[in-house]
Amino acid sequence: MPYAASPAPMMQSSDSPKSEQDSNPGLVKNSMLYKEFLAEREEILKHKWIESEKAGYDIGFEKALLDWIVKYRAQWREKRKENREGTPAT
């Protein structure tokens, strides 16, 4: 039986070089993108609760997400942008 070379060992997560996020865990949490994500998620969860109450059962996150995106996301983003800039969006 011929000798087969063993594969190179896989790099463990502890062996990988540290990224900027690893060295500064607050970097992501303090980013504007992450804050916008959290605010949008909160709105979707509110929408899920309201629509579930209307339906009389839990409609689920995915249905609430899709419904909120179609009905409210554009307006919500415009209003957030307007509040950030302090001027009405046209």
PDB file of N, CA and C in Angstrom:
ATOM      1  N   MET A   1       0.863  -1.180   0.000  1.00  0.00           N
ATOM      2  CA  MET A   1       0.000   0.000   0.000  1.00  0.00           C
ATOM      3  C   MET A   1       0.905   1.237   0.000  1.00  0.00           C
ATOM      4  N   PRO A   2       0.702   2.144  -0.950  1.00  0.00           N
ATOM      5  CA  PRO A   2       1.546   3.340  -1.019  1.00  0.00           C
ATOM      6  C   PRO A   2       1.258   4.276   0.150  1.00  0.00           C
ATOM      7  N   TYR A   3       2.280   4.985   0.532  1.00  0.00           N
ATOM      8  CA  TYR A   3       2.177   5.936   1.633  1.00  0.00           C
ATOM      9  C   TYR A   3       1.472   7.196   1.131  1.00  0.00           C
ATOM     10  N   ALA A   4       0.433   7.611   1.820  1.00  0.00           N
ATOM     11  CA  ALA A   4      -0.293   8.837   1.455  1.00  0.00           C
ATOM     12  C   ALA A   4       0.050   9.909   2.476  1.00  0.00           C
ATOM     13  N   ALA A   5       0.374  11.052   1.980  1.00  0.00           N
ATOM     14  CA  ALA A   5       0.690  12.173   2.869  1.00  0.00           C
ATOM     15  C   ALA A   5      -0.570  12.619   3.578  1.00  0.00           C
ATOM     16  N   SER A   6      -0.438  12.919   4.828  1.00  0.00           N
ATOM     17  CA  SER A   6      -1.603  13.398   5.568  1.00  0.00           C
ATOM     18  C   SER A   6      -1.887  14.841   5.173  1.00  0.00           C
ATOM     19  N   PRO A   7      -3.168  15.203   5.148  1.00  0.00           N
ATOM     20  CA  PRO A   7      -3.503  16.585   4.771  1.00  0.00           C
ATOM     21  C   PRO A   7      -2.978  17.571   5.807  1.00  0.00           C
ATOM     22  N   ALA A   8      -2.746  18.773   5.344  1.00  0.00           N
ATOM     23  CA  ALA A   8      -2.287  19.825   6.245  1.00  0.00           C
ATOM     24  C   ALA A   8      -3.349  20.079   7.297  1.00  0.00           C
ATOM     25  N   PRO A   9      -2.940  20.322   8.520  1.00  0.00           N
ATOM     26  CA  PRO A   9      -3.941  20.569   9.568  1.00  0.00           C
ATOM     27  C   PRO A   9      -4.735  21.837   9.257  1.00  0.00           C
ATOM     28  N   MET A  10      -6.013  21.775   9.579  1.00  0.00           N
ATOM     29  CA  MET A  10      -6.877  22.938   9.349  1.00  0.00           C
ATOM     30  C   MET A  10      -6.570  23.995  10.392  1.00  0.00           C
ATOM     31  N   MET A  11      -6.680  25.235   9.994  1.00  0.00           N
ATOM     32  CA  MET A  11      -6.409  26.340  10.899  1.00  0.00           C
ATOM     33  C   MET A  11      -7.554  26.442  11.900  1.00  0.00           C
ATOM     34  N   GLN A  12      -7.228  26.452  13.138  1.00  0.00           N
ATOM     35  CA  GLN A  12      -8.223  26.607  14.189  1.00  0.00           C
ATOM     36  C   GLN A  12      -8.571  28.086  14.321  1.00  0.00           C
ATOM     37  N   SER A  13      -9.755  28.353  14.830  1.00  0.00           N
ATOM     38  CA  SER A  13     -10.153  29.753  14.976  1.00  0.00           C
ATOM     39  C   SER A  13      -9.179  30.515  15.876  1.00  0.00           C
ATOM     40  N   SER A  14      -8.581  29.816  16.832  1.00  0.00           N
ATOM     41  CA  SER A  14      -7.627  30.496  17.714  1.00  0.00           C
ATOM     42  C   SER A  14      -6.315  30.787  16.995  1.00  0.00           C
ATOM     43  N   ASP A  15      -6.055  30.072  15.871  1.00  0.00           N
ATOM     44  CA  ASP A  15      -4.833  30.288  15.102  1.00  0.00           C
ATOM     45  C   ASP A  15      -4.956  31.455  14.125  1.00  0.00           C
ATOM     46  N   SER A  16      -6.169  31.834  13.809  1.00  0.00           N
ATOM     47  CA  SER A  16      -6.369  32.871  12.802  1.00  0.00           C
ATOM     48  C   SER A  16      -5.956  34.235  13.346  1.00  0.00           C
ATOM     49  N   PRO A  17      -5.503  35.100  12.450  1.00  0.00           N
ATOM     50  CA  PRO A  17      -5.118  36.441  12.909  1.00  0.00           C
ATOM     51  C   PRO A  17      -6.329  37.189  13.452  1.00  0.00           C
ATOM     52  N   LYS A  18      -6.093  37.975  14.456  1.00  0.00           N
ATOM     53  CA  LYS A  18      -7.191  38.749  15.048  1.00  0.00           C
ATOM     54  C   LYS A  18      -7.603  39.870  14.113  1.00  0.00           C
ATOM     55  N   SER A  19      -8.908  40.009  13.934  1.00  0.00           N
ATOM     56  CA  SER A  19      -9.411  41.099  13.122  1.00  0.00           C
ATOM     57  C   SER A  19      -9.625  42.319  14.014  1.00  0.00           C
ATOM     58  N   GLU A  20      -9.918  43.433  13.391  1.00  0.00           N
ATOM     59  CA  GLU A  20     -10.160  44.658  14.157  1.00  0.00           C
ATOM     60  C   GLU A  20     -11.384  44.490  15.044  1.00  0.00           C
ATOM     61  N   GLN A  21     -12.394  43.731  14.556  1.00  0.00           N
ATOM     62  CA  GLN A  21     -13.602  43.503  15.347  1.00  0.00           C
ATOM     63  C   GLN A  21     -13.277  42.721  16.605  1.00  0.00           C
ATOM     64  N   ASP A  22     -12.380  41.712  16.497  1.00  0.00           N
ATOM     65  CA  ASP A  22     -12.016  40.912  17.661  1.00  0.00           C
ATOM     66  C   ASP A  22     -11.329  41.760  18.723  1.00  0.00           C
ATOM     67  N   SER A  23     -10.492  42.676  18.292  1.00  0.00           N
ATOM     68  CA  SER A  23      -9.744  43.483  19.248  1.00  0.00           C
ATOM     69  C   SER A  23     -10.581  44.620  19.825  1.00  0.00           C
ATOM     70  N   ASN A  24     -11.675  44.963  19.184  1.00  0.00           N
ATOM     71  CA  ASN A  24     -12.548  46.035  19.650  1.00  0.00           C
ATOM     72  C   ASN A  24     -14.000  45.601  19.509  1.00  0.00           C
ATOM     73  N   PRO A  25     -14.542  44.824  20.483  1.00  0.00           N
ATOM     74  CA  PRO A  25     -15.897  44.301  20.348  1.00  0.00           C
ATOM     75  C   PRO A  25     -16.972  45.389  20.274  1.00  0.00           C
ATOM     76  N   GLY A  26     -16.693  46.576  20.766  1.00  0.00           N
ATOM     77  CA  GLY A  26     -17.667  47.659  20.711  1.00  0.00           C
ATOM     78  C   GLY A  26     -17.757  48.308  19.348  1.00  0.00           C
ATOM     79  N   LEU A  27     -16.811  48.011  18.466  1.00  0.00           N
ATOM     80  CA  LEU A  27     -16.780  48.631  17.141  1.00  0.00           C
ATOM     81  C   LEU A  27     -18.065  48.374  16.370  1.00  0.00           C
ATOM     82  N   VAL A  28     -18.487  47.132  16.303  1.00  0.00           N
ATOM     83  CA  VAL A  28     -19.700  46.792  15.562  1.00  0.00           C
ATOM     84  C   VAL A  28     -20.926  47.359  16.257  1.00  0.00           C
ATOM     85  N   LYS A  29     -21.008  47.180  17.554  1.00  0.00           N
ATOM     86  CA  LYS A  29     -22.189  47.625  18.300  1.00  0.00           C
ATOM     87  C   LYS A  29     -22.356  49.135  18.268  1.00  0.00           C
ATOM     88  N   ASN A  30     -21.276  49.861  18.069  1.00  0.00           N
ATOM     89  CA  ASN A  30     -21.360  51.315  18.011  1.00  0.00           C
ATOM     90  C   ASN A  30     -21.495  51.845  16.592  1.00  0.00           C
ATOM     91  N   SER A  31     -21.475  50.972  15.605  1.00  0.00           N
ATOM     92  CA  SER A  31     -21.548  51.433  14.222  1.00  0.00           C
ATOM     93  C   SER A  31     -22.966  51.886  13.884  1.00  0.00           C
ATOM     94  N   MET A  32     -23.054  52.837  12.995  1.00  0.00           N
ATOM     95  CA  MET A  32     -24.359  53.365  12.574  1.00  0.00           C
ATOM     96  C   MET A  32     -25.182  52.274  11.881  1.00  0.00           C
ATOM     97  N   LEU A  33     -24.517  51.445  11.099  1.00  0.00           N
ATOM     98  CA  LEU A  33     -25.211  50.367  10.388  1.00  0.00           C
ATOM     99  C   LEU A  33     -25.881  49.411  11.373  1.00  0.00           C
ATOM    100  N   TYR A  34     -25.163  49.038  12.426  1.00  0.00           N
ATOM    101  CA  TYR A  34     -25.721  48.133  13.418  1.00  0.00           C
ATOM    102  C   TYR A  34     -26.883  48.788  14.170  1.00  0.00           C
ATOM    103  N   LYS A  35     -26.739  50.057  14.483  1.00  0.00           N
ATOM    104  CA  LYS A  35     -27.823  50.768  15.173  1.00  0.00           C
ATOM    105  C   LYS A  35     -29.071  50.840  14.299  1.00  0.00           C
ATOM    106  N   GLU A  36     -28.892  51.059  13.010  1.00  0.00           N
ATOM    107  CA  GLU A  36     -30.030  51.081  12.085  1.00  0.00           C
ATOM    108  C   GLU A  36     -30.677  49.703  12.003  1.00  0.00           C
ATOM    109  N   PHE A  37     -29.846  48.663  11.958  1.00  0.00           N
ATOM    110  CA  PHE A  37     -30.361  47.295  11.947  1.00  0.00           C
ATOM    111  C   PHE A  37     -31.223  47.028  13.178  1.00  0.00           C
ATOM    112  N   LEU A  38     -30.732  47.417  14.353  1.00  0.00           N
ATOM    113  CA  LEU A  38     -31.479  47.194  15.583  1.00  0.00           C
ATOM    114  C   LEU A  38     -32.794  47.971  15.600  1.00  0.00           C
ATOM    115  N   ALA A  39     -32.768  49.201  15.124  1.00  0.00           N
ATOM    116  CA  ALA A  39     -33.984  50.015  15.088  1.00  0.00           C
ATOM    117  C   ALA A  39     -35.005  49.399  14.132  1.00  0.00           C
ATOM    118  N   GLU A  40     -34.534  48.925  12.982  1.00  0.00           N
ATOM    119  CA  GLU A  40     -35.435  48.308  12.008  1.00  0.00           C
ATOM    120  C   GLU A  40     -36.014  47.007  12.576  1.00  0.00           C
ATOM    121  N   ARG A  41     -35.174  46.231  13.213  1.00  0.00           N
ATOM    122  CA  ARG A  41     -35.640  44.972  13.824  1.00  0.00           C
ATOM    123  C   ARG A  41     -36.711  45.239  14.882  1.00  0.00           C
ATOM    124  N   GLU A  42     -36.509  46.281  15.671  1.00  0.00           N
ATOM    125  CA  GLU A  42     -37.495  46.636  16.695  1.00  0.00           C
ATOM    126  C   GLU A  42     -38.842  46.976  16.059  1.00  0.00           C
ATOM    127  N   GLU A  43     -38.810  47.717  14.953  1.00  0.00           N
ATOM    128  CA  GLU A  43     -40.053  48.061  14.252  1.00  0.00           C
ATOM    129  C   GLU A  43     -40.746  46.814  13.710  1.00  0.00           C
ATOM    130  N   ILE A  44     -39.970  45.890  13.188  1.00  0.00           N
ATOM    131  CA  ILE A  44     -40.536  44.644  12.656  1.00  0.00           C
ATOM    132  C   ILE A  44     -41.177  43.842  13.779  1.00  0.00           C
ATOM    133  N   LEU A  45     -40.517  43.789  14.932  1.00  0.00           N
ATOM    134  CA  LEU A  45     -41.084  43.057  16.068  1.00  0.00           C
ATOM    135  C   LEU A  45     -42.380  43.712  16.568  1.00  0.00           C
ATOM    136  N   LYS A  46     -42.425  45.043  16.557  1.00  0.00           N
ATOM    137  CA  LYS A  46     -43.675  45.741  16.922  1.00  0.00           C
ATOM    138  C   LYS A  46     -44.777  45.389  15.935  1.00  0.00           C
ATOM    139  N   HIS A  47     -44.424  45.406  14.645  1.00  0.00           N
ATOM    140  CA  HIS A  47     -45.387  45.070  13.597  1.00  0.00           C
ATOM    141  C   HIS A  47     -45.881  43.629  13.766  1.00  0.00           C
ATOM    142  N   LYS A  48     -44.962  42.727  14.095  1.00  0.00           N
ATOM    143  CA  LYS A  48     -45.324  41.322  14.315  1.00  0.00           C
ATOM    144  C   LYS A  48     -46.326  41.203  15.456  1.00  0.00           C
ATOM    145  N   TRP A  49     -46.066  41.927  16.527  1.00  0.00           N
ATOM    146  CA  TRP A  49     -46.964  41.869  17.680  1.00  0.00           C
ATOM    147  C   TRP A  49     -48.356  42.392  17.315  1.00  0.00           C
ATOM    148  N   ILE A  50     -48.408  43.545  16.660  1.00  0.00           N
ATOM    149  CA  ILE A  50     -49.692  44.144  16.283  1.00  0.00           C
ATOM    150  C   ILE A  50     -50.470  43.229  15.349  1.00  0.00           C
ATOM    151  N   GLU A  51     -49.799  42.736  14.305  1.00  0.00           N
ATOM    152  CA  GLU A  51     -50.486  41.879  13.333  1.00  0.00           C
ATOM    153  C   GLU A  51     -50.877  40.535  13.938  1.00  0.00           C
ATOM    154  N   SER A  52     -50.086  40.026  14.864  1.00  0.00           N
ATOM    155  CA  SER A  52     -50.435  38.773  15.542  1.00  0.00           C
ATOM    156  C   SER A  52     -51.666  38.969  16.427  1.00  0.00           C
ATOM    157  N   GLU A  53     -51.733  40.112  17.090  1.00  0.00           N
ATOM    158  CA  GLU A  53     -52.910  40.413  17.908  1.00  0.00           C
ATOM    159  C   GLU A  53     -54.166  40.492  17.037  1.00  0.00           C
ATOM    160  N   LYS A  54     -54.052  41.139  15.885  1.00  0.00           N
ATOM    161  CA  LYS A  54     -55.194  41.239  14.957  1.00  0.00           C
ATOM    162  C   LYS A  54     -55.632  39.863  14.471  1.00  0.00           C
ATOM    163  N   ALA A  55     -54.648  39.018  14.150  1.00  0.00           N
ATOM    164  CA  ALA A  55     -54.949  37.698  13.605  1.00  0.00           C
ATOM    165  C   ALA A  55     -55.401  36.711  14.683  1.00  0.00           C
ATOM    166  N   GLY A  56     -55.024  36.968  15.919  1.00  0.00           N
ATOM    167  CA  GLY A  56     -55.381  36.063  17.008  1.00  0.00           C
ATOM    168  C   GLY A  56     -54.395  34.919  17.185  1.00  0.00           C
ATOM    169  N   TYR A  57     -53.283  34.963  16.474  1.00  0.00           N
ATOM    170  CA  TYR A  57     -52.230  33.956  16.604  1.00  0.00           C
ATOM    171  C   TYR A  57     -50.911  34.581  16.161  1.00  0.00           C
ATOM    172  N   ASP A  58     -49.819  33.929  16.521  1.00  0.00           N
ATOM    173  CA  ASP A  58     -48.487  34.417  16.167  1.00  0.00           C
ATOM    174  C   ASP A  58     -48.268  34.233  14.668  1.00  0.00           C
ATOM    175  N   ILE A  59     -48.100  35.332  13.955  1.00  0.00           N
ATOM    176  CA  ILE A  59     -47.932  35.245  12.498  1.00  0.00           C
ATOM    177  C   ILE A  59     -46.506  34.869  12.104  1.00  0.00           C
ATOM    178  N   GLY A  60     -45.570  34.951  13.037  1.00  0.00           N
ATOM    179  CA  GLY A  60     -44.183  34.587  12.762  1.00  0.00           C
ATOM    180  C   GLY A  60     -43.371  35.770  12.258  1.00  0.00           C
ATOM    181  N   PHE A  61     -42.071  35.678  12.489  1.00  0.00           N
ATOM    182  CA  PHE A  61     -41.180  36.784  12.131  1.00  0.00           C
ATOM    183  C   PHE A  61     -41.096  36.979  10.626  1.00  0.00           C
ATOM    184  N   GLU A  62     -40.984  35.893   9.870  1.00  0.00           N
ATOM    185  CA  GLU A  62     -40.808  36.026   8.425  1.00  0.00           C
ATOM    186  C   GLU A  62     -41.988  36.732   7.763  1.00  0.00           C
ATOM    187  N   LYS A  63     -43.203  36.349   8.137  1.00  0.00           N
ATOM    188  CA  LYS A  63     -44.384  36.999   7.567  1.00  0.00           C
ATOM    189  C   LYS A  63     -44.432  38.473   7.968  1.00  0.00           C
ATOM    190  N   ALA A  64     -44.132  38.750   9.230  1.00  0.00           N
ATOM    191  CA  ALA A  64     -44.123  40.135   9.702  1.00  0.00           C
ATOM    192  C   ALA A  64     -43.058  40.945   8.974  1.00  0.00           C
ATOM    193  N   LEU A  65     -41.889  40.356   8.787  1.00  0.00           N
ATOM    194  CA  LEU A  65     -40.794  41.021   8.091  1.00  0.00           C
ATOM    195  C   LEU A  65     -41.199  41.393   6.672  1.00  0.00           C
ATOM    196  N   LEU A  66     -41.697  40.435   5.927  1.00  0.00           N
ATOM    197  CA  LEU A  66     -42.074  40.697   4.534  1.00  0.00           C
ATOM    198  C   LEU A  66     -43.202  41.730   4.451  1.00  0.00           C
ATOM    199  N   ASP A  67     -44.191  41.610   5.325  1.00  0.00           N
ATOM    200  CA  ASP A  67     -45.308  42.552   5.332  1.00  0.00           C
ATOM    201  C   ASP A  67     -44.828  43.961   5.656  1.00  0.00           C
ATOM    202  N   TRP A  68     -43.952  44.077   6.664  1.00  0.00           N
ATOM    203  CA  TRP A  68     -43.439  45.386   7.069  1.00  0.00           C
ATOM    204  C   TRP A  68     -42.600  46.011   5.961  1.00  0.00           C
ATOM    205  N   ILE A  69     -41.763  45.212   5.310  1.00  0.00           N
ATOM    206  CA  ILE A  69     -40.928  45.731   4.224  1.00  0.00           C
ATOM    207  C   ILE A  69     -41.796  46.294   3.111  1.00  0.00           C
ATOM    208  N   VAL A  70     -42.801  45.533   2.710  1.00  0.00           N
ATOM    209  CA  VAL A  70     -43.674  45.958   1.608  1.00  0.00           C
ATOM    210  C   VAL A  70     -44.481  47.200   1.971  1.00  0.00           C
ATOM    211  N   LYS A  71     -45.015  47.245   3.190  1.00  0.00           N
ATOM    212  CA  LYS A  71     -45.939  48.316   3.567  1.00  0.00           C
ATOM    213  C   LYS A  71     -45.291  49.552   4.184  1.00  0.00           C
ATOM    214  N   TYR A  72     -44.228  49.365   4.954  1.00  0.00           N
ATOM    215  CA  TYR A  72     -43.764  50.468   5.789  1.00  0.00           C
ATOM    216  C   TYR A  72     -42.295  50.858   5.681  1.00  0.00           C
ATOM    217  N   ARG A  73     -41.443  50.013   5.157  1.00  0.00           N
ATOM    218  CA  ARG A  73     -40.007  50.254   5.222  1.00  0.00           C
ATOM    219  C   ARG A  73     -39.565  51.553   4.554  1.00  0.00           C
ATOM    220  N   ALA A  74     -40.054  51.815   3.362  1.00  0.00           N
ATOM    221  CA  ALA A  74     -39.638  53.020   2.635  1.00  0.00           C
ATOM    222  C   ALA A  74     -39.981  54.282   3.424  1.00  0.00           C
ATOM    223  N   GLN A  75     -41.206  54.346   3.940  1.00  0.00           N
ATOM    224  CA  GLN A  75     -41.622  55.511   4.737  1.00  0.00           C
ATOM    225  C   GLN A  75     -40.787  55.619   6.006  1.00  0.00           C
ATOM    226  N   TRP A  76     -40.561  54.487   6.662  1.00  0.00           N
ATOM    227  CA  TRP A  76     -39.803  54.476   7.900  1.00  0.00           C
ATOM    228  C   TRP A  76     -38.391  54.987   7.661  1.00  0.00           C
ATOM    229  N   ARG A  77     -37.756  54.543   6.592  1.00  0.00           N
ATOM    230  CA  ARG A  77     -36.391  54.990   6.285  1.00  0.00           C
ATOM    231  C   ARG A  77     -36.349  56.482   5.969  1.00  0.00           C
ATOM    232  N   GLU A  78     -37.313  56.963   5.212  1.00  0.00           N
ATOM    233  CA  GLU A  78     -37.364  58.392   4.893  1.00  0.00           C
ATOM    234  C   GLU A  78     -37.497  59.221   6.162  1.00  0.00           C
ATOM    235  N   LYS A  79     -38.369  58.767   7.057  1.00  0.00           N
ATOM    236  CA  LYS A  79     -38.568  59.487   8.310  1.00  0.00           C
ATOM    237  C   LYS A  79     -37.298  59.474   9.167  1.00  0.00           C
ATOM    238  N   ARG A  80     -36.593  58.339   9.213  1.00  0.00           N
ATOM    239  CA  ARG A  80     -35.326  58.253   9.960  1.00  0.00           C
ATOM    240  C   ARG A  80     -34.293  59.196   9.353  1.00  0.00           C
ATOM    241  N   LYS A  81     -34.223  59.219   8.037  1.00  0.00           N
ATOM    242  CA  LYS A  81     -33.271  60.090   7.346  1.00  0.00           C
ATOM    243  C   LYS A  81     -33.593  61.552   7.637  1.00  0.00           C
ATOM    244  N   GLU A  82     -34.868  61.876   7.592  1.00  0.00           N
ATOM    245  CA  GLU A  82     -35.331  63.241   7.871  1.00  0.00           C
ATOM    246  C   GLU A  82     -34.962  63.648   9.294  1.00  0.00           C
ATOM    247  N   ASN A  83     -35.160  62.747  10.243  1.00  0.00           N
ATOM    248  CA  ASN A  83     -34.831  63.042  11.643  1.00  0.00           C
ATOM    249  C   ASN A  83     -33.333  63.208  11.860  1.00  0.00           C
ATOM    250  N   ARG A  84     -32.526  62.423  11.145  1.00  0.00           N
ATOM    251  CA  ARG A  84     -31.065  62.529  11.260  1.00  0.00           C
ATOM    252  C   ARG A  84     -30.559  63.853  10.690  1.00  0.00           C
ATOM    253  N   GLU A  85     -31.116  64.240   9.547  1.00  0.00           N
ATOM    254  CA  GLU A  85     -30.639  65.449   8.872  1.00  0.00           C
ATOM    255  C   GLU A  85     -31.337  66.711   9.373  1.00  0.00           C
ATOM    256  N   GLY A  86     -32.462  66.552  10.008  1.00  0.00           N
ATOM    257  CA  GLY A  86     -33.175  67.699  10.540  1.00  0.00           C
ATOM    258  C   GLY A  86     -33.957  68.482   9.505  1.00  0.00           C
ATOM    259  N   THR A  87     -34.062  67.939   8.290  1.00  0.00           N
ATOM    260  CA  THR A  87     -34.838  68.601   7.235  1.00  0.00           C
ATOM    261  C   THR A  87     -35.815  67.597   6.629  1.00  0.00           C
ATOM    262  N   PRO A  88     -36.943  68.097   6.162  1.00  0.00           N
ATOM    263  CA  PRO A  88     -37.914  67.180   5.538  1.00  0.00           C
ATOM    264  C   PRO A  88     -37.350  66.560   4.271  1.00  0.00           C
ATOM    265  N   ALA A  89     -37.589  65.245   4.109  1.00  0.00           N
ATOM    266  CA  ALA A  89     -37.162  64.553   2.880  1.00  0.00           C
ATOM    267  C   ALA A  89     -38.192  64.823   1.797  1.00  0.00           C
ATOM    268  N   THR A  90     -37.727  65.025   0.575  1.00  0.00           N
ATOM    269  CA  THR A  90     -38.666  65.271  -0.530  1.00  0.00           C
ATOM    270  C   THR A  90     -38.785  64.100  -1.433  1.00  0.00           C
TER     271      THR A  90
END
